[in-house]
Amino acid sequence: MEVDSQRPDFGFPGYWLKANSETCVHLASQQPNKIRDHFLLKKHPKGTTGSGAVDHIAFLAKDPRAVRSRIQSNKVEMHYRSFPDAKPPLFQIFLKDPDDVTIELNFLGEKIDERAWQGEGSASAMTLRKEPGKKTKLAHQN
């Protein structure tokens, strides 16, 4: 396993690990972080030692508009995050499964029109922007 240097600066520390040239594990600190905790739908952790609980699971996905439609038709609360400055651009949808595990859907190379997604069944939305010479900042949130 090797560290994937393609991980964008999401505004909190972490690593992506690759096996056979495919990113397959995401690691992040349990230390409280406003951006990370908000978009992963986290409550503050009760400690930093492992309990064996799964925090979230991530999947690559395609066609965010069709996915959103299916989520809306099932009346599931979703949150989304747009990171258009990432290389490649990244759009993500987050929702909870029945056991309260966060499901992260990653749409690589996708940029969305924020206005078209506003109020369309999303409980919250966040856009991150990379400023020249600066760390990632929260650009927009509703």
N, C-alpha and C. Protein backbone atom coordinates (compact mmCIF):
# COMPACT_ATOMS: atom_id res chain seq x y z
N MET A 1 0.85 -1.16 0.00
CA MET A 1 0.00 0.00 0.00
C MET A 1 0.90 1.23 0.00
N GLU A 2 0.48 2.25 -0.74
CA GLU A 2 1.24 3.50 -0.80
C GLU A 2 0.29 4.68 -0.63
N VAL A 3 0.85 5.83 -0.22
CA VAL A 3 0.05 7.04 -0.05
C VAL A 3 -0.26 7.62 -1.43
N ASP A 4 -1.51 7.98 -1.66
CA ASP A 4 -1.96 8.58 -2.91
C ASP A 4 -1.76 10.09 -2.81
N SER A 5 -0.83 10.63 -3.57
CA SER A 5 -0.54 12.07 -3.51
C SER A 5 -1.61 12.91 -4.20
N GLN A 6 -2.63 12.29 -4.81
CA GLN A 6 -3.69 13.00 -5.52
C GLN A 6 -4.78 13.54 -4.58
N ARG A 7 -4.72 13.20 -3.27
CA ARG A 7 -5.77 13.64 -2.34
C ARG A 7 -5.79 15.16 -2.27
N PRO A 8 -6.95 15.77 -2.58
CA PRO A 8 -7.06 17.24 -2.48
C PRO A 8 -6.97 17.69 -1.03
N ASP A 9 -6.66 18.96 -0.83
CA ASP A 9 -6.69 19.54 0.50
C ASP A 9 -8.16 19.83 0.83
N PHE A 10 -8.79 18.96 1.61
CA PHE A 10 -10.20 19.11 1.97
C PHE A 10 -10.42 20.07 3.14
N GLY A 11 -9.34 20.64 3.67
CA GLY A 11 -9.49 21.53 4.82
C GLY A 11 -9.28 20.80 6.14
N PHE A 12 -8.86 19.55 6.09
CA PHE A 12 -8.52 18.77 7.28
C PHE A 12 -7.49 17.72 6.88
N PRO A 13 -6.63 17.31 7.82
CA PRO A 13 -5.59 16.35 7.46
C PRO A 13 -6.14 14.95 7.21
N GLY A 14 -5.46 14.22 6.35
CA GLY A 14 -5.84 12.85 6.06
C GLY A 14 -4.99 12.28 4.96
N TYR A 15 -5.19 11.02 4.67
CA TYR A 15 -4.45 10.33 3.63
C TYR A 15 -5.38 9.43 2.85
N TRP A 16 -5.07 9.27 1.58
CA TRP A 16 -5.68 8.23 0.78
C TRP A 16 -4.60 7.20 0.54
N LEU A 17 -4.93 5.93 0.70
CA LEU A 17 -3.98 4.86 0.45
C LEU A 17 -4.38 4.12 -0.80
N LYS A 18 -3.36 3.74 -1.59
CA LYS A 18 -3.58 3.06 -2.86
C LYS A 18 -3.03 1.64 -2.79
N ALA A 19 -3.71 0.75 -3.45
CA ALA A 19 -3.23 -0.61 -3.67
C ALA A 19 -3.45 -0.92 -5.15
N ASN A 20 -2.45 -1.42 -5.81
CA ASN A 20 -2.54 -1.70 -7.25
C ASN A 20 -3.02 -0.48 -8.03
N SER A 21 -2.50 0.67 -7.68
CA SER A 21 -2.79 1.97 -8.31
C SER A 21 -4.23 2.45 -8.16
N GLU A 22 -5.00 1.84 -7.27
CA GLU A 22 -6.39 2.26 -7.01
C GLU A 22 -6.51 2.77 -5.58
N THR A 23 -7.09 3.96 -5.41
CA THR A 23 -7.32 4.48 -4.06
C THR A 23 -8.39 3.62 -3.41
N CYS A 24 -8.08 3.10 -2.23
CA CYS A 24 -9.03 2.17 -1.62
C CYS A 24 -9.27 2.42 -0.14
N VAL A 25 -8.43 3.21 0.54
CA VAL A 25 -8.62 3.48 1.96
C VAL A 25 -8.43 4.97 2.19
N HIS A 26 -9.34 5.56 2.95
CA HIS A 26 -9.23 6.96 3.35
C HIS A 26 -8.97 6.99 4.85
N LEU A 27 -7.96 7.74 5.26
CA LEU A 27 -7.66 7.89 6.68
C LEU A 27 -7.80 9.35 7.06
N ALA A 28 -8.38 9.61 8.23
CA ALA A 28 -8.48 10.97 8.73
C ALA A 28 -8.44 10.93 10.25
N SER A 29 -7.96 11.99 10.83
CA SER A 29 -7.85 12.10 12.28
C SER A 29 -9.24 12.18 12.91
N GLN A 30 -9.34 11.71 14.14
CA GLN A 30 -10.60 11.86 14.89
C GLN A 30 -10.68 13.19 15.62
N GLN A 31 -9.62 13.99 15.55
CA GLN A 31 -9.65 15.29 16.22
C GLN A 31 -10.78 16.13 15.61
N PRO A 32 -11.55 16.84 16.44
CA PRO A 32 -12.64 17.65 15.90
C PRO A 32 -12.15 18.64 14.84
N ASN A 33 -12.90 18.75 13.75
CA ASN A 33 -12.59 19.65 12.66
C ASN A 33 -13.92 20.08 12.05
N LYS A 34 -14.18 21.38 12.04
CA LYS A 34 -15.49 21.89 11.62
C LYS A 34 -15.88 21.45 10.22
N ILE A 35 -14.98 21.58 9.25
CA ILE A 35 -15.31 21.21 7.87
C ILE A 35 -15.55 19.71 7.77
N ARG A 36 -14.62 18.90 8.30
CA ARG A 36 -14.74 17.44 8.21
C ARG A 36 -16.00 16.96 8.94
N ASP A 37 -16.21 17.45 10.16
CA ASP A 37 -17.35 16.98 10.95
C ASP A 37 -18.67 17.34 10.27
N HIS A 38 -18.74 18.50 9.63
CA HIS A 38 -19.99 18.91 8.98
C HIS A 38 -20.29 18.03 7.77
N PHE A 39 -19.33 17.89 6.88
CA PHE A 39 -19.68 17.17 5.66
C PHE A 39 -19.73 15.67 5.84
N LEU A 40 -19.11 15.11 6.88
CA LEU A 40 -19.27 13.68 7.14
C LEU A 40 -20.43 13.42 8.09
N LEU A 41 -21.19 14.47 8.42
CA LEU A 41 -22.37 14.36 9.27
C LEU A 41 -22.00 13.78 10.64
N LYS A 42 -20.84 14.18 11.16
CA LYS A 42 -20.34 13.63 12.42
C LYS A 42 -20.76 14.46 13.61
N LYS A 43 -20.97 13.76 14.69
CA LYS A 43 -21.01 14.40 15.99
C LYS A 43 -19.59 14.24 16.51
N HIS A 44 -19.18 15.05 17.46
CA HIS A 44 -17.81 14.93 17.94
C HIS A 44 -17.56 13.55 18.51
N PRO A 45 -16.40 12.97 18.17
CA PRO A 45 -16.08 11.64 18.69
C PRO A 45 -15.97 11.66 20.21
N LYS A 46 -16.31 10.57 20.82
CA LYS A 46 -16.26 10.46 22.28
C LYS A 46 -14.87 10.10 22.76
N GLY A 47 -13.97 9.82 21.85
CA GLY A 47 -12.60 9.50 22.21
C GLY A 47 -11.81 9.23 20.96
N THR A 48 -10.53 9.03 21.12
CA THR A 48 -9.68 8.80 19.96
C THR A 48 -9.19 7.36 19.87
N THR A 49 -9.62 6.51 20.78
CA THR A 49 -9.27 5.11 20.64
C THR A 49 -10.41 4.40 19.94
N GLY A 50 -10.08 3.40 19.13
CA GLY A 50 -11.08 2.76 18.29
C GLY A 50 -12.11 1.96 19.06
N SER A 51 -13.34 2.00 18.58
CA SER A 51 -14.43 1.22 19.16
C SER A 51 -14.81 0.07 18.24
N GLY A 52 -14.21 0.04 17.06
CA GLY A 52 -14.59 -0.96 16.06
C GLY A 52 -15.73 -0.49 15.19
N ALA A 53 -16.30 0.67 15.45
CA ALA A 53 -17.43 1.18 14.66
C ALA A 53 -16.93 1.71 13.32
N VAL A 54 -17.73 1.57 12.28
CA VAL A 54 -17.42 2.13 10.97
C VAL A 54 -17.94 3.56 10.94
N ASP A 55 -17.08 4.50 10.60
CA ASP A 55 -17.48 5.90 10.53
C ASP A 55 -18.25 6.18 9.25
N HIS A 56 -17.63 5.86 8.10
CA HIS A 56 -18.30 6.05 6.82
C HIS A 56 -17.68 5.14 5.78
N ILE A 57 -18.39 4.98 4.69
CA ILE A 57 -17.91 4.16 3.58
C ILE A 57 -18.11 4.97 2.31
N ALA A 58 -17.10 4.90 1.43
CA ALA A 58 -17.13 5.73 0.22
C ALA A 58 -17.18 4.85 -1.03
N PHE A 59 -17.87 5.37 -2.04
CA PHE A 59 -18.00 4.68 -3.32
C PHE A 59 -17.77 5.67 -4.45
N LEU A 60 -17.20 5.20 -5.56
CA LEU A 60 -17.19 5.98 -6.78
C LEU A 60 -18.57 5.84 -7.41
N ALA A 61 -19.07 6.92 -7.97
CA ALA A 61 -20.41 6.89 -8.55
C ALA A 61 -20.40 7.70 -9.84
N LYS A 62 -21.45 7.55 -10.62
CA LYS A 62 -21.62 8.28 -11.88
C LYS A 62 -23.01 8.88 -11.92
N ASP A 63 -23.16 9.93 -12.71
CA ASP A 63 -24.45 10.59 -12.96
C ASP A 63 -25.09 11.13 -11.69
N PRO A 64 -24.52 12.20 -11.12
CA PRO A 64 -25.06 12.73 -9.86
C PRO A 64 -26.52 13.16 -9.93
N ARG A 65 -26.98 13.62 -11.09
CA ARG A 65 -28.38 14.05 -11.20
C ARG A 65 -29.33 12.86 -11.05
N ALA A 66 -28.99 11.76 -11.67
CA ALA A 66 -29.83 10.55 -11.54
C ALA A 66 -29.78 10.01 -10.11
N VAL A 67 -28.61 10.05 -9.51
CA VAL A 67 -28.49 9.58 -8.12
C VAL A 67 -29.33 10.46 -7.20
N ARG A 68 -29.23 11.78 -7.39
CA ARG A 68 -30.03 12.70 -6.56
C ARG A 68 -31.52 12.40 -6.71
N SER A 69 -31.96 12.15 -7.94
CA SER A 69 -33.36 11.85 -8.18
C SER A 69 -33.80 10.60 -7.41
N ARG A 70 -32.97 9.57 -7.43
CA ARG A 70 -33.31 8.33 -6.70
C ARG A 70 -33.34 8.58 -5.19
N ILE A 71 -32.40 9.38 -4.69
CA ILE A 71 -32.38 9.69 -3.26
C ILE A 71 -33.64 10.46 -2.89
N GLN A 72 -33.99 11.47 -3.69
CA GLN A 72 -35.19 12.27 -3.43
C GLN A 72 -36.45 11.41 -3.48
N SER A 73 -36.54 10.51 -4.44
CA SER A 73 -37.75 9.69 -4.56
C SER A 73 -37.93 8.76 -3.36
N ASN A 74 -36.84 8.47 -2.66
CA ASN A 74 -36.90 7.64 -1.45
C ASN A 74 -36.94 8.48 -0.18
N LYS A 75 -37.02 9.81 -0.34
CA LYS A 75 -37.15 10.74 0.78
C LYS A 75 -36.04 10.55 1.82
N VAL A 76 -34.82 10.41 1.33
CA VAL A 76 -33.65 10.28 2.20
C VAL A 76 -32.95 11.64 2.25
N GLU A 77 -32.61 12.09 3.46
CA GLU A 77 -31.90 13.35 3.62
C GLU A 77 -30.49 13.20 3.07
N MET A 78 -30.05 14.18 2.30
CA MET A 78 -28.70 14.13 1.75
C MET A 78 -28.01 15.48 1.96
N HIS A 79 -26.72 15.41 1.94
CA HIS A 79 -25.87 16.59 2.02
C HIS A 79 -24.91 16.45 0.84
N TYR A 80 -24.47 17.57 0.32
CA TYR A 80 -23.51 17.45 -0.77
C TYR A 80 -22.38 18.44 -0.60
N ARG A 81 -21.27 18.12 -1.27
CA ARG A 81 -20.10 18.98 -1.24
C ARG A 81 -19.52 19.03 -2.64
N SER A 82 -19.20 20.24 -3.07
CA SER A 82 -18.58 20.47 -4.37
C SER A 82 -17.17 20.98 -4.15
N PHE A 83 -16.22 20.41 -4.86
CA PHE A 83 -14.83 20.84 -4.78
C PHE A 83 -14.32 21.00 -6.21
N PRO A 84 -14.77 22.09 -6.90
CA PRO A 84 -14.44 22.25 -8.31
C PRO A 84 -12.97 22.51 -8.58
N ASP A 85 -12.20 22.94 -7.57
CA ASP A 85 -10.79 23.23 -7.78
C ASP A 85 -9.90 22.01 -7.62
N ALA A 86 -10.46 20.89 -7.17
CA ALA A 86 -9.67 19.67 -7.03
C ALA A 86 -9.22 19.19 -8.41
N LYS A 87 -8.17 18.44 -8.46
CA LYS A 87 -7.67 17.88 -9.71
C LYS A 87 -7.77 16.37 -9.64
N PRO A 88 -8.71 15.69 -10.26
CA PRO A 88 -9.82 16.24 -11.05
C PRO A 88 -10.89 16.84 -10.13
N PRO A 89 -11.80 17.68 -10.69
CA PRO A 89 -12.89 18.21 -9.88
C PRO A 89 -13.64 17.07 -9.18
N LEU A 90 -14.20 17.39 -8.04
CA LEU A 90 -14.87 16.36 -7.24
C LEU A 90 -16.21 16.89 -6.74
N PHE A 91 -17.24 16.09 -6.91
CA PHE A 91 -18.56 16.37 -6.35
C PHE A 91 -18.93 15.17 -5.50
N GLN A 92 -19.48 15.42 -4.30
CA GLN A 92 -19.81 14.34 -3.39
C GLN A 92 -21.22 14.50 -2.83
N ILE A 93 -21.88 13.38 -2.61
CA ILE A 93 -23.17 13.34 -1.91
C ILE A 93 -22.97 12.47 -0.67
N PHE A 94 -23.53 12.90 0.46
CA PHE A 94 -23.45 12.16 1.71
C PHE A 94 -24.85 11.89 2.22
N LEU A 95 -25.08 10.70 2.70
CA LEU A 95 -26.35 10.33 3.33
C LEU A 95 -26.08 9.27 4.38
N LYS A 96 -27.06 8.97 5.20
CA LYS A 96 -26.92 7.98 6.27
C LYS A 96 -27.66 6.71 5.89
N ASP A 97 -27.05 5.57 6.23
CA ASP A 97 -27.75 4.30 6.03
C ASP A 97 -28.62 4.05 7.28
N PRO A 98 -29.45 3.01 7.29
CA PRO A 98 -30.33 2.77 8.43
C PRO A 98 -29.59 2.52 9.76
N ASP A 99 -28.30 2.16 9.69
CA ASP A 99 -27.52 1.95 10.91
C ASP A 99 -26.71 3.17 11.30
N ASP A 100 -26.99 4.32 10.70
CA ASP A 100 -26.34 5.59 10.99
C ASP A 100 -24.89 5.66 10.51
N VAL A 101 -24.55 4.85 9.52
CA VAL A 101 -23.23 4.94 8.90
C VAL A 101 -23.35 5.92 7.73
N THR A 102 -22.41 6.84 7.63
CA THR A 102 -22.44 7.80 6.53
C THR A 102 -21.99 7.12 5.24
N ILE A 103 -22.76 7.32 4.18
CA ILE A 103 -22.43 6.82 2.84
C ILE A 103 -21.95 8.03 2.04
N GLU A 104 -20.75 7.92 1.49
CA GLU A 104 -20.14 8.97 0.69
C GLU A 104 -20.10 8.51 -0.76
N LEU A 105 -20.71 9.29 -1.64
CA LEU A 105 -20.71 8.97 -3.07
C LEU A 105 -19.82 10.00 -3.77
N ASN A 106 -18.77 9.54 -4.43
CA ASN A 106 -17.79 10.40 -5.07
C ASN A 106 -17.97 10.39 -6.58
N PHE A 107 -18.13 11.58 -7.15
CA PHE A 107 -18.29 11.76 -8.58
C PHE A 107 -17.05 12.50 -9.08
N LEU A 108 -16.05 11.75 -9.53
CA LEU A 108 -14.80 12.35 -9.99
C LEU A 108 -15.01 13.03 -11.34
N GLY A 109 -14.42 14.21 -11.47
CA GLY A 109 -14.51 14.96 -12.71
C GLY A 109 -15.81 15.72 -12.89
N GLU A 110 -16.68 15.71 -11.89
CA GLU A 110 -17.99 16.37 -12.01
C GLU A 110 -17.97 17.75 -11.36
N LYS A 111 -18.47 18.72 -12.09
CA LYS A 111 -18.74 20.05 -11.55
C LYS A 111 -20.24 20.24 -11.66
N ILE A 112 -20.85 20.81 -10.64
CA ILE A 112 -22.29 21.01 -10.67
C ILE A 112 -22.60 22.50 -10.64
N ASP A 113 -23.78 22.86 -11.07
CA ASP A 113 -24.28 24.22 -10.95
C ASP A 113 -24.95 24.31 -9.59
N GLU A 114 -24.30 25.02 -8.67
CA GLU A 114 -24.79 25.09 -7.29
C GLU A 114 -26.23 25.59 -7.21
N ARG A 115 -26.59 26.53 -8.07
CA ARG A 115 -27.96 27.07 -8.05
C ARG A 115 -28.98 26.00 -8.41
N ALA A 116 -28.61 25.11 -9.32
CA ALA A 116 -29.54 24.05 -9.74
C ALA A 116 -29.75 23.02 -8.62
N TRP A 117 -28.82 22.91 -7.72
CA TRP A 117 -28.93 21.92 -6.63
C TRP A 117 -29.48 22.53 -5.35
N GLN A 118 -29.52 23.83 -5.25
CA GLN A 118 -29.96 24.49 -4.03
C GLN A 118 -31.42 24.16 -3.73
N GLY A 119 -31.66 23.66 -2.53
CA GLY A 119 -33.01 23.37 -2.08
C GLY A 119 -33.65 22.16 -2.74
N GLU A 120 -32.89 21.41 -3.49
CA GLU A 120 -33.44 20.25 -4.19
C GLU A 120 -33.29 18.97 -3.36
N GLY A 121 -33.85 18.99 -2.17
CA GLY A 121 -33.80 17.80 -1.33
C GLY A 121 -32.54 17.68 -0.51
N SER A 122 -31.67 18.67 -0.59
CA SER A 122 -30.45 18.57 0.21
C SER A 122 -30.64 19.31 1.52
N ALA A 123 -30.17 18.68 2.60
CA ALA A 123 -30.27 19.29 3.91
C ALA A 123 -29.20 20.36 4.07
N SER A 124 -28.06 20.17 3.44
CA SER A 124 -27.01 21.19 3.47
C SER A 124 -26.13 21.02 2.25
N ALA A 125 -25.42 22.07 1.94
CA ALA A 125 -24.50 22.05 0.81
C ALA A 125 -23.27 22.85 1.17
N MET A 126 -22.15 22.44 0.61
CA MET A 126 -20.89 23.09 0.91
C MET A 126 -20.05 23.10 -0.36
N THR A 127 -19.39 24.24 -0.61
CA THR A 127 -18.44 24.33 -1.71
C THR A 127 -17.11 24.75 -1.12
N LEU A 128 -16.05 24.03 -1.48
CA LEU A 128 -14.71 24.35 -1.03
C LEU A 128 -13.95 24.99 -2.18
N ARG A 129 -13.13 25.98 -1.86
CA ARG A 129 -12.31 26.64 -2.88
C ARG A 129 -10.86 26.67 -2.40
N LYS A 130 -9.97 26.45 -3.34
CA LYS A 130 -8.55 26.54 -3.07
C LYS A 130 -8.10 27.92 -3.48
N GLU A 131 -7.58 28.70 -2.51
CA GLU A 131 -7.10 30.04 -2.82
C GLU A 131 -5.61 29.97 -3.10
N PRO A 132 -5.12 30.77 -4.04
CA PRO A 132 -3.69 30.71 -4.38
C PRO A 132 -2.81 30.89 -3.15
N GLY A 133 -1.92 29.93 -2.94
CA GLY A 133 -0.98 30.02 -1.82
C GLY A 133 -1.60 29.82 -0.45
N LYS A 134 -2.89 29.46 -0.41
CA LYS A 134 -3.57 29.29 0.86
C LYS A 134 -4.20 27.91 0.93
N LYS A 135 -4.60 27.55 2.13
CA LYS A 135 -5.29 26.27 2.30
C LYS A 135 -6.72 26.37 1.79
N THR A 136 -7.34 25.23 1.70
CA THR A 136 -8.73 25.16 1.27
C THR A 136 -9.63 25.90 2.26
N LYS A 137 -10.58 26.62 1.72
CA LYS A 137 -11.53 27.37 2.56
C LYS A 137 -12.95 27.01 2.15
N LEU A 138 -13.86 27.17 3.09
CA LEU A 138 -15.27 27.01 2.84
C LEU A 138 -15.74 28.22 2.06
N ALA A 139 -16.20 28.03 0.81
CA ALA A 139 -16.60 29.14 -0.04
C ALA A 139 -18.09 29.43 0.05
N HIS A 140 -18.87 28.37 0.25
CA HIS A 140 -20.33 28.53 0.24
C HIS A 140 -20.93 27.40 1.07
N GLN A 141 -21.96 27.76 1.83
CA GLN A 141 -22.66 26.74 2.62
C GLN A 141 -24.11 27.16 2.78
N ASN A 142 -25.03 26.19 2.64
CA ASN A 142 -26.44 26.50 2.93
C ASN A 142 -27.02 25.42 3.79
